[in-house]
Amino acid sequence: MLITGINGAFKGYWYEEGYIRTTSFEYSVKNCRDNLVHLTNDAIQKHNEDYGRFEKGNKLSYQDFQRYLDQNHRGLDFLGGILPKMKRICTDAMRASYFLLDP
């Protein structure tokens, strides 16, 4: 989400064709200090020899992620179910903090 603030008027923009960042390892709560499992930032991931192990550049388009869900978690709808919830959460976060963004 991109947030702009001009003369106290705040707007949030969400680019429709996004992507999901992934890690080079399967998620696990066993070692919460392992950045390569818990942080999807390219600055962290690109230095690992397993970078791109699952997806090229550790990224999935929304459509590719939906295909993954269709194959592995039937019934989950990213574009129609999960993404709208993500947008609502970001909107709530923006509304809760916009006075702090541009005092």
PDB file of N, CA and C in Angstrom:
ATOM      1  N   MET A   1       0.847  -1.162   0.000  1.00  0.00           N
ATOM      2  CA  MET A   1       0.000   0.000   0.000  1.00  0.00           C
ATOM      3  C   MET A   1       0.899   1.232   0.000  1.00  0.00           C
ATOM      4  N   LEU A   2       0.581   2.166  -0.851  1.00  0.00           N
ATOM      5  CA  LEU A   2       1.245   3.462  -0.879  1.00  0.00           C
ATOM      6  C   LEU A   2       0.324   4.456  -0.199  1.00  0.00           C
ATOM      7  N   ILE A   3       0.862   5.216   0.732  1.00  0.00           N
ATOM      8  CA  ILE A   3       0.072   6.209   1.451  1.00  0.00           C
ATOM      9  C   ILE A   3       0.605   7.587   1.101  1.00  0.00           C
ATOM     10  N   THR A   4      -0.300   8.492   0.731  1.00  0.00           N
ATOM     11  CA  THR A   4       0.082   9.878   0.481  1.00  0.00           C
ATOM     12  C   THR A   4      -0.677  10.768   1.448  1.00  0.00           C
ATOM     13  N   GLY A   5      -0.072  11.876   1.778  1.00  0.00           N
ATOM     14  CA  GLY A   5      -0.724  12.853   2.629  1.00  0.00           C
ATOM     15  C   GLY A   5      -0.424  14.260   2.130  1.00  0.00           C
ATOM     16  N   ILE A   6      -1.461  14.962   1.671  1.00  0.00           N
ATOM     17  CA  ILE A   6      -1.300  16.319   1.167  1.00  0.00           C
ATOM     18  C   ILE A   6      -2.280  17.208   1.905  1.00  0.00           C
ATOM     19  N   ASN A   7      -1.737  18.189   2.626  1.00  0.00           N
ATOM     20  CA  ASN A   7      -2.556  19.134   3.393  1.00  0.00           C
ATOM     21  C   ASN A   7      -3.562  18.421   4.294  1.00  0.00           C
ATOM     22  N   GLY A   8      -3.117  17.358   4.935  1.00  0.00           N
ATOM     23  CA  GLY A   8      -3.967  16.644   5.880  1.00  0.00           C
ATOM     24  C   GLY A   8      -4.925  15.646   5.251  1.00  0.00           C
ATOM     25  N   ALA A   9      -4.945  15.557   3.915  1.00  0.00           N
ATOM     26  CA  ALA A   9      -5.813  14.591   3.232  1.00  0.00           C
ATOM     27  C   ALA A   9      -4.980  13.355   2.893  1.00  0.00           C
ATOM     28  N   PHE A  10      -5.315  12.244   3.499  1.00  0.00           N
ATOM     29  CA  PHE A  10      -4.563  11.011   3.302  1.00  0.00           C
ATOM     30  C   PHE A  10      -5.297  10.083   2.355  1.00  0.00           C
ATOM     31  N   LYS A  11      -4.509   9.436   1.503  1.00  0.00           N
ATOM     32  CA  LYS A  11      -5.058   8.445   0.586  1.00  0.00           C
ATOM     33  C   LYS A  11      -4.138   7.237   0.571  1.00  0.00           C
ATOM     34  N   GLY A  12      -4.753   6.077   0.426  1.00  0.00           N
ATOM     35  CA  GLY A  12      -3.990   4.853   0.301  1.00  0.00           C
ATOM     36  C   GLY A  12      -4.246   4.236  -1.064  1.00  0.00           C
ATOM     37  N   TYR A  13      -3.189   3.735  -1.675  1.00  0.00           N
ATOM     38  CA  TYR A  13      -3.290   3.134  -3.001  1.00  0.00           C
ATOM     39  C   TYR A  13      -2.730   1.719  -2.943  1.00  0.00           C
ATOM     40  N   TRP A  14      -3.420   0.815  -3.580  1.00  0.00           N
ATOM     41  CA  TRP A  14      -3.021  -0.581  -3.603  1.00  0.00           C
ATOM     42  C   TRP A  14      -2.911  -0.997  -5.064  1.00  0.00           C
ATOM     43  N   TYR A  15      -1.723  -1.360  -5.494  1.00  0.00           N
ATOM     44  CA  TYR A  15      -1.524  -1.789  -6.866  1.00  0.00           C
ATOM     45  C   TYR A  15      -2.103  -3.182  -7.032  1.00  0.00           C
ATOM     46  N   GLU A  16      -2.973  -3.347  -7.999  1.00  0.00           N
ATOM     47  CA  GLU A  16      -3.721  -4.605  -8.134  1.00  0.00           C
ATOM     48  C   GLU A  16      -2.865  -5.806  -8.523  1.00  0.00           C
ATOM     49  N   GLU A  17      -1.821  -5.627  -9.304  1.00  0.00           N
ATOM     50  CA  GLU A  17      -0.998  -6.750  -9.744  1.00  0.00           C
ATOM     51  C   GLU A  17       0.249  -6.856  -8.871  1.00  0.00           C
ATOM     52  N   GLY A  18       0.077  -7.370  -7.693  1.00  0.00           N
ATOM     53  CA  GLY A  18       1.184  -7.473  -6.757  1.00  0.00           C
ATOM     54  C   GLY A  18       1.845  -8.837  -6.778  1.00  0.00           C
ATOM     55  N   TYR A  19       2.709  -9.022  -5.828  1.00  0.00           N
ATOM     56  CA  TYR A  19       3.366 -10.315  -5.673  1.00  0.00           C
ATOM     57  C   TYR A  19       3.585 -10.579  -4.193  1.00  0.00           C
ATOM     58  N   ILE A  20       3.846 -11.818  -3.904  1.00  0.00           N
ATOM     59  CA  ILE A  20       4.073 -12.262  -2.536  1.00  0.00           C
ATOM     60  C   ILE A  20       5.531 -12.678  -2.419  1.00  0.00           C
ATOM     61  N   ARG A  21       6.220 -12.159  -1.420  1.00  0.00           N
ATOM     62  CA  ARG A  21       7.604 -12.555  -1.183  1.00  0.00           C
ATOM     63  C   ARG A  21       7.615 -13.837  -0.361  1.00  0.00           C
ATOM     64  N   THR A  22       8.557 -14.703  -0.702  1.00  0.00           N
ATOM     65  CA  THR A  22       8.676 -15.979  -0.001  1.00  0.00           C
ATOM     66  C   THR A  22      10.088 -16.118   0.560  1.00  0.00           C
ATOM     67  N   THR A  23      10.313 -17.169   1.312  1.00  0.00           N
ATOM     68  CA  THR A  23      11.637 -17.434   1.860  1.00  0.00           C
ATOM     69  C   THR A  23      12.247 -18.649   1.160  1.00  0.00           C
ATOM     70  N   SER A  24      13.502 -18.882   1.447  1.00  0.00           N
ATOM     71  CA  SER A  24      14.214 -20.017   0.850  1.00  0.00           C
ATOM     72  C   SER A  24      14.032 -21.299   1.649  1.00  0.00           C
ATOM     73  N   PHE A  25      13.320 -21.209   2.756  1.00  0.00           N
ATOM     74  CA  PHE A  25      13.131 -22.357   3.641  1.00  0.00           C
ATOM     75  C   PHE A  25      11.681 -22.442   4.078  1.00  0.00           C
ATOM     76  N   GLU A  26      11.247 -23.648   4.435  1.00  0.00           N
ATOM     77  CA  GLU A  26       9.903 -23.804   4.966  1.00  0.00           C
ATOM     78  C   GLU A  26       9.793 -23.105   6.317  1.00  0.00           C
ATOM     79  N   TYR A  27       8.646 -22.506   6.569  1.00  0.00           N
ATOM     80  CA  TYR A  27       8.401 -21.801   7.820  1.00  0.00           C
ATOM     81  C   TYR A  27       8.427 -22.768   8.991  1.00  0.00           C
ATOM     82  N   SER A  28       9.024 -22.313  10.094  1.00  0.00           N
ATOM     83  CA  SER A  28       9.072 -23.109  11.313  1.00  0.00           C
ATOM     84  C   SER A  28       9.151 -22.165  12.506  1.00  0.00           C
ATOM     85  N   VAL A  29       8.494 -22.530  13.590  1.00  0.00           N
ATOM     86  CA  VAL A  29       8.581 -21.745  14.815  1.00  0.00           C
ATOM     87  C   VAL A  29       9.683 -22.266  15.734  1.00  0.00           C
ATOM     88  N   LYS A  30      10.394 -23.297  15.300  1.00  0.00           N
ATOM     89  CA  LYS A  30      11.423 -23.904  16.140  1.00  0.00           C
ATOM     90  C   LYS A  30      12.612 -22.976  16.372  1.00  0.00           C
ATOM     91  N   ASN A  31      12.942 -22.154  15.395  1.00  0.00           N
ATOM     92  CA  ASN A  31      14.054 -21.220  15.565  1.00  0.00           C
ATOM     93  C   ASN A  31      13.613 -19.839  15.091  1.00  0.00           C
ATOM     94  N   CYS A  32      13.092 -19.071  16.020  1.00  0.00           N
ATOM     95  CA  CYS A  32      12.572 -17.744  15.683  1.00  0.00           C
ATOM     96  C   CYS A  32      13.671 -16.738  15.356  1.00  0.00           C
ATOM     97  N   ARG A  33      14.902 -17.081  15.597  1.00  0.00           N
ATOM     98  CA  ARG A  33      16.012 -16.174  15.309  1.00  0.00           C
ATOM     99  C   ARG A  33      16.592 -16.362  13.901  1.00  0.00           C
ATOM    100  N   ASP A  34      16.112 -17.345  13.176  1.00  0.00           N
ATOM    101  CA  ASP A  34      16.621 -17.614  11.842  1.00  0.00           C
ATOM    102  C   ASP A  34      15.962 -16.669  10.842  1.00  0.00           C
ATOM    103  N   ASN A  35      16.683 -15.617  10.455  1.00  0.00           N
ATOM    104  CA  ASN A  35      16.145 -14.607   9.550  1.00  0.00           C
ATOM    105  C   ASN A  35      15.749 -15.177   8.193  1.00  0.00           C
ATOM    106  N   LEU A  36      16.422 -16.221   7.747  1.00  0.00           N
ATOM    107  CA  LEU A  36      16.124 -16.779   6.438  1.00  0.00           C
ATOM    108  C   LEU A  36      14.790 -17.511   6.402  1.00  0.00           C
ATOM    109  N   VAL A  37      14.260 -17.848   7.555  1.00  0.00           N
ATOM    110  CA  VAL A  37      12.954 -18.491   7.633  1.00  0.00           C
ATOM    111  C   VAL A  37      11.859 -17.457   7.841  1.00  0.00           C
ATOM    112  N   HIS A  38      12.154 -16.395   8.560  1.00  0.00           N
ATOM    113  CA  HIS A  38      11.120 -15.466   9.001  1.00  0.00           C
ATOM    114  C   HIS A  38      11.073 -14.138   8.265  1.00  0.00           C
ATOM    115  N   LEU A  39      12.133 -13.748   7.584  1.00  0.00           N
ATOM    116  CA  LEU A  39      12.140 -12.466   6.872  1.00  0.00           C
ATOM    117  C   LEU A  39      12.184 -12.708   5.374  1.00  0.00           C
ATOM    118  N   THR A  40      11.245 -12.110   4.648  1.00  0.00           N
ATOM    119  CA  THR A  40      11.166 -12.332   3.206  1.00  0.00           C
ATOM    120  C   THR A  40      11.849 -11.233   2.407  1.00  0.00           C
ATOM    121  N   ASN A  41      12.440 -10.272   3.067  1.00  0.00           N
ATOM    122  CA  ASN A  41      13.093  -9.153   2.400  1.00  0.00           C
ATOM    123  C   ASN A  41      14.224  -9.646   1.499  1.00  0.00           C
ATOM    124  N   ASP A  42      14.287  -9.122   0.276  1.00  0.00           N
ATOM    125  CA  ASP A  42      15.353  -9.510  -0.654  1.00  0.00           C
ATOM    126  C   ASP A  42      16.742  -9.220  -0.099  1.00  0.00           C
ATOM    127  N   ALA A  43      16.872  -8.170   0.682  1.00  0.00           N
ATOM    128  CA  ALA A  43      18.180  -7.821   1.246  1.00  0.00           C
ATOM    129  C   ALA A  43      18.709  -8.943   2.141  1.00  0.00           C
ATOM    130  N   ILE A  44      17.824  -9.697   2.744  1.00  0.00           N
ATOM    131  CA  ILE A  44      18.204 -10.835   3.585  1.00  0.00           C
ATOM    132  C   ILE A  44      18.330 -12.097   2.732  1.00  0.00           C
ATOM    133  N   GLN A  45      17.322 -12.382   1.929  1.00  0.00           N
ATOM    134  CA  GLN A  45      17.233 -13.642   1.200  1.00  0.00           C
ATOM    135  C   GLN A  45      18.278 -13.807   0.098  1.00  0.00           C
ATOM    136  N   LYS A  46      18.621 -12.732  -0.598  1.00  0.00           N
ATOM    137  CA  LYS A  46      19.475 -12.870  -1.783  1.00  0.00           C
ATOM    138  C   LYS A  46      20.896 -13.335  -1.495  1.00  0.00           C
ATOM    139  N   HIS A  47      21.314 -13.280  -0.249  1.00  0.00           N
ATOM    140  CA  HIS A  47      22.662 -13.703   0.113  1.00  0.00           C
ATOM    141  C   HIS A  47      22.758 -15.201   0.447  1.00  0.00           C
ATOM    142  N   ASN A  48      21.628 -15.894   0.413  1.00  0.00           N
ATOM    143  CA  ASN A  48      21.608 -17.313   0.736  1.00  0.00           C
ATOM    144  C   ASN A  48      21.763 -18.147  -0.529  1.00  0.00           C
ATOM    145  N   GLU A  49      22.505 -19.221  -0.443  1.00  0.00           N
ATOM    146  CA  GLU A  49      22.723 -20.079  -1.614  1.00  0.00           C
ATOM    147  C   GLU A  49      21.439 -20.738  -2.102  1.00  0.00           C
ATOM    148  N   ASP A  50      20.407 -20.821  -1.252  1.00  0.00           N
ATOM    149  CA  ASP A  50      19.129 -21.416  -1.644  1.00  0.00           C
ATOM    150  C   ASP A  50      18.122 -20.389  -2.157  1.00  0.00           C
ATOM    151  N   TYR A  51      18.578 -19.148  -2.369  1.00  0.00           N
ATOM    152  CA  TYR A  51      17.696 -18.093  -2.884  1.00  0.00           C
ATOM    153  C   TYR A  51      17.061 -18.568  -4.195  1.00  0.00           C
ATOM    154  N   GLY A  52      15.759 -18.492  -4.288  1.00  0.00           N
ATOM    155  CA  GLY A  52      15.048 -18.935  -5.481  1.00  0.00           C
ATOM    156  C   GLY A  52      14.794 -20.431  -5.515  1.00  0.00           C
ATOM    157  N   ARG A  53      14.997 -21.102  -4.399  1.00  0.00           N
ATOM    158  CA  ARG A  53      14.838 -22.563  -4.330  1.00  0.00           C
ATOM    159  C   ARG A  53      13.428 -23.008  -4.702  1.00  0.00           C
ATOM    160  N   PHE A  54      12.436 -22.284  -4.233  1.00  0.00           N
ATOM    161  CA  PHE A  54      11.044 -22.647  -4.499  1.00  0.00           C
ATOM    162  C   PHE A  54      10.444 -21.837  -5.653  1.00  0.00           C
ATOM    163  N   GLU A  55      10.741 -20.551  -5.712  1.00  0.00           N
ATOM    164  CA  GLU A  55      10.228 -19.662  -6.750  1.00  0.00           C
ATOM    165  C   GLU A  55      11.363 -18.771  -7.234  1.00  0.00           C
ATOM    166  N   LYS A  56      11.342 -18.412  -8.482  1.00  0.00           N
ATOM    167  CA  LYS A  56      12.350 -17.517  -9.028  1.00  0.00           C
ATOM    168  C   LYS A  56      12.308 -16.199  -8.249  1.00  0.00           C
ATOM    169  N   GLY A  57      13.467 -15.808  -7.736  1.00  0.00           N
ATOM    170  CA  GLY A  57      13.544 -14.557  -6.985  1.00  0.00           C
ATOM    171  C   GLY A  57      12.753 -14.528  -5.706  1.00  0.00           C
ATOM    172  N   ASN A  58      12.344 -15.699  -5.229  1.00  0.00           N
ATOM    173  CA  ASN A  58      11.544 -15.790  -4.001  1.00  0.00           C
ATOM    174  C   ASN A  58      10.288 -14.918  -4.068  1.00  0.00           C
ATOM    175  N   LYS A  59       9.640 -14.920  -5.229  1.00  0.00           N
ATOM    176  CA  LYS A  59       8.417 -14.137  -5.393  1.00  0.00           C
ATOM    177  C   LYS A  59       7.378 -14.954  -6.147  1.00  0.00           C
ATOM    178  N   LEU A  60       6.113 -14.763  -5.769  1.00  0.00           N
ATOM    179  CA  LEU A  60       4.983 -15.374  -6.466  1.00  0.00           C
ATOM    180  C   LEU A  60       3.998 -14.277  -6.843  1.00  0.00           C
ATOM    181  N   SER A  61       3.538 -14.281  -8.088  1.00  0.00           N
ATOM    182  CA  SER A  61       2.459 -13.360  -8.451  1.00  0.00           C
ATOM    183  C   SER A  61       1.197 -13.808  -7.722  1.00  0.00           C
ATOM    184  N   TYR A  62       0.225 -12.931  -7.646  1.00  0.00           N
ATOM    185  CA  TYR A  62      -1.034 -13.305  -7.007  1.00  0.00           C
ATOM    186  C   TYR A  62      -1.650 -14.515  -7.712  1.00  0.00           C
ATOM    187  N   GLN A  63      -1.567 -14.533  -9.043  1.00  0.00           N
ATOM    188  CA  GLN A  63      -2.140 -15.646  -9.804  1.00  0.00           C
ATOM    189  C   GLN A  63      -1.389 -16.951  -9.523  1.00  0.00           C
ATOM    190  N   ASP A  64      -0.051 -16.882  -9.463  1.00  0.00           N
ATOM    191  CA  ASP A  64       0.729 -18.083  -9.149  1.00  0.00           C
ATOM    192  C   ASP A  64       0.422 -18.584  -7.743  1.00  0.00           C
ATOM    193  N   PHE A  65       0.233 -17.655  -6.814  1.00  0.00           N
ATOM    194  CA  PHE A  65      -0.110 -18.054  -5.452  1.00  0.00           C
ATOM    195  C   PHE A  65      -1.481 -18.726  -5.422  1.00  0.00           C
ATOM    196  N   GLN A  66      -2.428 -18.198  -6.214  1.00  0.00           N
ATOM    197  CA  GLN A  66      -3.747 -18.836  -6.273  1.00  0.00           C
ATOM    198  C   GLN A  66      -3.643 -20.241  -6.845  1.00  0.00           C
ATOM    199  N   ARG A  67      -2.803 -20.440  -7.851  1.00  0.00           N
ATOM    200  CA  ARG A  67      -2.607 -21.782  -8.405  1.00  0.00           C
ATOM    201  C   ARG A  67      -2.036 -22.728  -7.344  1.00  0.00           C
ATOM    202  N   TYR A  68      -1.091 -22.207  -6.542  1.00  0.00           N
ATOM    203  CA  TYR A  68      -0.533 -23.014  -5.442  1.00  0.00           C
ATOM    204  C   TYR A  68      -1.649 -23.396  -4.459  1.00  0.00           C
ATOM    205  N   LEU A  69      -2.488 -22.420  -4.094  1.00  0.00           N
ATOM    206  CA  LEU A  69      -3.586 -22.713  -3.164  1.00  0.00           C
ATOM    207  C   LEU A  69      -4.548 -23.726  -3.761  1.00  0.00           C
ATOM    208  N   ASP A  70      -4.847 -23.587  -5.053  1.00  0.00           N
ATOM    209  CA  ASP A  70      -5.763 -24.520  -5.710  1.00  0.00           C
ATOM    210  C   ASP A  70      -5.226 -25.947  -5.668  1.00  0.00           C
ATOM    211  N   GLN A  71      -3.931 -26.108  -5.789  1.00  0.00           N
ATOM    212  CA  GLN A  71      -3.324 -27.440  -5.794  1.00  0.00           C
ATOM    213  C   GLN A  71      -3.126 -28.010  -4.395  1.00  0.00           C
ATOM    214  N   ASN A  72      -2.874 -27.134  -3.411  1.00  0.00           N
ATOM    215  CA  ASN A  72      -2.472 -27.604  -2.087  1.00  0.00           C
ATOM    216  C   ASN A  72      -3.452 -27.289  -0.963  1.00  0.00           C
ATOM    217  N   HIS A  73      -4.316 -26.332  -1.159  1.00  0.00           N
ATOM    218  CA  HIS A  73      -5.247 -25.909  -0.104  1.00  0.00           C
ATOM    219  C   HIS A  73      -6.576 -25.532  -0.748  1.00  0.00           C
ATOM    220  N   ARG A  74      -7.241 -26.516  -1.281  1.00  0.00           N
ATOM    221  CA  ARG A  74      -8.495 -26.266  -2.004  1.00  0.00           C
ATOM    222  C   ARG A  74      -9.482 -25.482  -1.146  1.00  0.00           C
ATOM    223  N   GLY A  75     -10.162 -24.567  -1.806  1.00  0.00           N
ATOM    224  CA  GLY A  75     -11.175 -23.782  -1.117  1.00  0.00           C
ATOM    225  C   GLY A  75     -10.692 -22.422  -0.656  1.00  0.00           C
ATOM    226  N   LEU A  76      -9.384 -22.187  -0.655  1.00  0.00           N
ATOM    227  CA  LEU A  76      -8.870 -20.872  -0.273  1.00  0.00           C
ATOM    228  C   LEU A  76      -8.805 -19.987  -1.516  1.00  0.00           C
ATOM    229  N   ASP A  77      -9.401 -18.824  -1.422  1.00  0.00           N
ATOM    230  CA  ASP A  77      -9.469 -17.883  -2.545  1.00  0.00           C
ATOM    231  C   ASP A  77      -8.658 -16.650  -2.194  1.00  0.00           C
ATOM    232  N   PHE A  78      -7.485 -16.515  -2.805  1.00  0.00           N
ATOM    233  CA  PHE A  78      -6.630 -15.377  -2.476  1.00  0.00           C
ATOM    234  C   PHE A  78      -7.237 -14.070  -2.965  1.00  0.00           C
ATOM    235  N   LEU A  79      -7.565 -13.984  -4.239  1.00  0.00           N
ATOM    236  CA  LEU A  79      -8.054 -12.720  -4.803  1.00  0.00           C
ATOM    237  C   LEU A  79      -9.407 -12.301  -4.244  1.00  0.00           C
ATOM    238  N   GLY A  80     -10.290 -13.271  -4.018  1.00  0.00           N
ATOM    239  CA  GLY A  80     -11.629 -12.931  -3.551  1.00  0.00           C
ATOM    240  C   GLY A  80     -11.810 -12.946  -2.051  1.00  0.00           C
ATOM    241  N   GLY A  81     -10.909 -13.625  -1.330  1.00  0.00           N
ATOM    242  CA  GLY A  81     -11.076 -13.761   0.113  1.00  0.00           C
ATOM    243  C   GLY A  81      -9.945 -13.174   0.936  1.00  0.00           C
ATOM    244  N   ILE A  82      -8.725 -13.591   0.647  1.00  0.00           N
ATOM    245  CA  ILE A  82      -7.580 -13.170   1.465  1.00  0.00           C
ATOM    246  C   ILE A  82      -7.160 -11.741   1.161  1.00  0.00           C
ATOM    247  N   LEU A  83      -7.011 -11.391  -0.127  1.00  0.00           N
ATOM    248  CA  LEU A  83      -6.551 -10.051  -0.499  1.00  0.00           C
ATOM    249  C   LEU A  83      -7.467  -8.941   0.017  1.00  0.00           C
ATOM    250  N   PRO A  84      -8.794  -9.064  -0.100  1.00  0.00           N
ATOM    251  CA  PRO A  84      -9.655  -8.015   0.476  1.00  0.00           C
ATOM    252  C   PRO A  84      -9.460  -7.840   1.983  1.00  0.00           C
ATOM    253  N   LYS A  85      -9.193  -8.934   2.682  1.00  0.00           N
ATOM    254  CA  LYS A  85      -8.938  -8.835   4.125  1.00  0.00           C
ATOM    255  C   LYS A  85      -7.618  -8.119   4.389  1.00  0.00           C
ATOM    256  N   MET A  86      -6.609  -8.401   3.555  1.00  0.00           N
ATOM    257  CA  MET A  86      -5.325  -7.699   3.697  1.00  0.00           C
ATOM    258  C   MET A  86      -5.520  -6.192   3.492  1.00  0.00           C
ATOM    259  N   LYS A  87      -6.330  -5.834   2.502  1.00  0.00           N
ATOM    260  CA  LYS A  87      -6.596  -4.418   2.235  1.00  0.00           C
ATOM    261  C   LYS A  87      -7.313  -3.753   3.411  1.00  0.00           C
ATOM    262  N   ARG A  88      -8.268  -4.462   4.004  1.00  0.00           N
ATOM    263  CA  ARG A  88      -8.981  -3.906   5.162  1.00  0.00           C
ATOM    264  C   ARG A  88      -8.038  -3.707   6.344  1.00  0.00           C
ATOM    265  N   ILE A  89      -7.139  -4.657   6.565  1.00  0.00           N
ATOM    266  CA  ILE A  89      -6.174  -4.533   7.659  1.00  0.00           C
ATOM    267  C   ILE A  89      -5.275  -3.328   7.424  1.00  0.00           C
ATOM    268  N   CYS A  90      -4.794  -3.164   6.203  1.00  0.00           N
ATOM    269  CA  CYS A  90      -3.936  -2.007   5.890  1.00  0.00           C
ATOM    270  C   CYS A  90      -4.704  -0.703   6.035  1.00  0.00           C
ATOM    271  N   THR A  91      -5.951  -0.684   5.612  1.00  0.00           N
ATOM    272  CA  THR A  91      -6.779   0.515   5.765  1.00  0.00           C
ATOM    273  C   THR A  91      -6.969   0.838   7.240  1.00  0.00           C
ATOM    274  N   ASP A  92      -7.248  -0.162   8.050  1.00  0.00           N
ATOM    275  CA  ASP A  92      -7.399   0.050   9.497  1.00  0.00           C
ATOM    276  C   ASP A  92      -6.097   0.574  10.108  1.00  0.00           C
ATOM    277  N   ALA A  93      -4.960   0.011   9.685  1.00  0.00           N
ATOM    278  CA  ALA A  93      -3.667   0.468  10.209  1.00  0.00           C
ATOM    279  C   ALA A  93      -3.410   1.911   9.809  1.00  0.00           C
ATOM    280  N   MET A  94      -3.752   2.264   8.584  1.00  0.00           N
ATOM    281  CA  MET A  94      -3.566   3.639   8.127  1.00  0.00           C
ATOM    282  C   MET A  94      -4.461   4.594   8.933  1.00  0.00           C
ATOM    283  N   ARG A  95      -5.705   4.233   9.107  1.00  0.00           N
ATOM    284  CA  ARG A  95      -6.627   5.082   9.872  1.00  0.00           C
ATOM    285  C   ARG A  95      -6.192   5.224  11.325  1.00  0.00           C
ATOM    286  N   ALA A  96      -5.633   4.157  11.890  1.00  0.00           N
ATOM    287  CA  ALA A  96      -5.210   4.194  13.289  1.00  0.00           C
ATOM    288  C   ALA A  96      -3.958   5.041  13.489  1.00  0.00           C
ATOM    289  N   SER A  97      -3.188   5.239  12.431  1.00  0.00           N
ATOM    290  CA  SER A  97      -1.902   5.922  12.608  1.00  0.00           C
ATOM    291  C   SER A  97      -1.734   7.189  11.773  1.00  0.00           C
ATOM    292  N   TYR A  98      -2.723   7.602  11.028  1.00  0.00           N
ATOM    293  CA  TYR A  98      -2.483   8.719  10.112  1.00  0.00           C
ATOM    294  C   TYR A  98      -2.170  10.016  10.821  1.00  0.00           C
ATOM    295  N   PHE A  99      -2.616  10.216  12.047  1.00  0.00           N
ATOM    296  CA  PHE A  99      -2.269  11.428  12.788  1.00  0.00           C
ATOM    297  C   PHE A  99      -0.771  11.426  13.123  1.00  0.00           C
ATOM    298  N   LEU A 100      -0.176  10.252  13.245  1.00  0.00           N
ATOM    299  CA  LEU A 100       1.247  10.139  13.528  1.00  0.00           C
ATOM    300  C   LEU A 100       2.094  10.263  12.267  1.00  0.00           C
ATOM    301  N   LEU A 101       1.511   9.989  11.110  1.00  0.00           N
ATOM    302  CA  LEU A 101       2.255  10.026   9.850  1.00  0.00           C
ATOM    303  C   LEU A 101       2.639  11.443   9.437  1.00  0.00           C
ATOM    304  N   ASP A 102       1.723  12.382   9.632  1.00  0.00           N
ATOM    305  CA  ASP A 102       1.971  13.766   9.205  1.00  0.00           C
ATOM    306  C   ASP A 102       1.410  14.720  10.261  1.00  0.00           C
ATOM    307  N   PRO A 103       2.151  14.860  11.371  1.00  0.00           N
ATOM    308  CA  PRO A 103       1.634  15.704  12.450  1.00  0.00           C
ATOM    309  C   PRO A 103       1.648  17.160  12.025  1.00  0.00           C
TER     310      PRO A 103
END
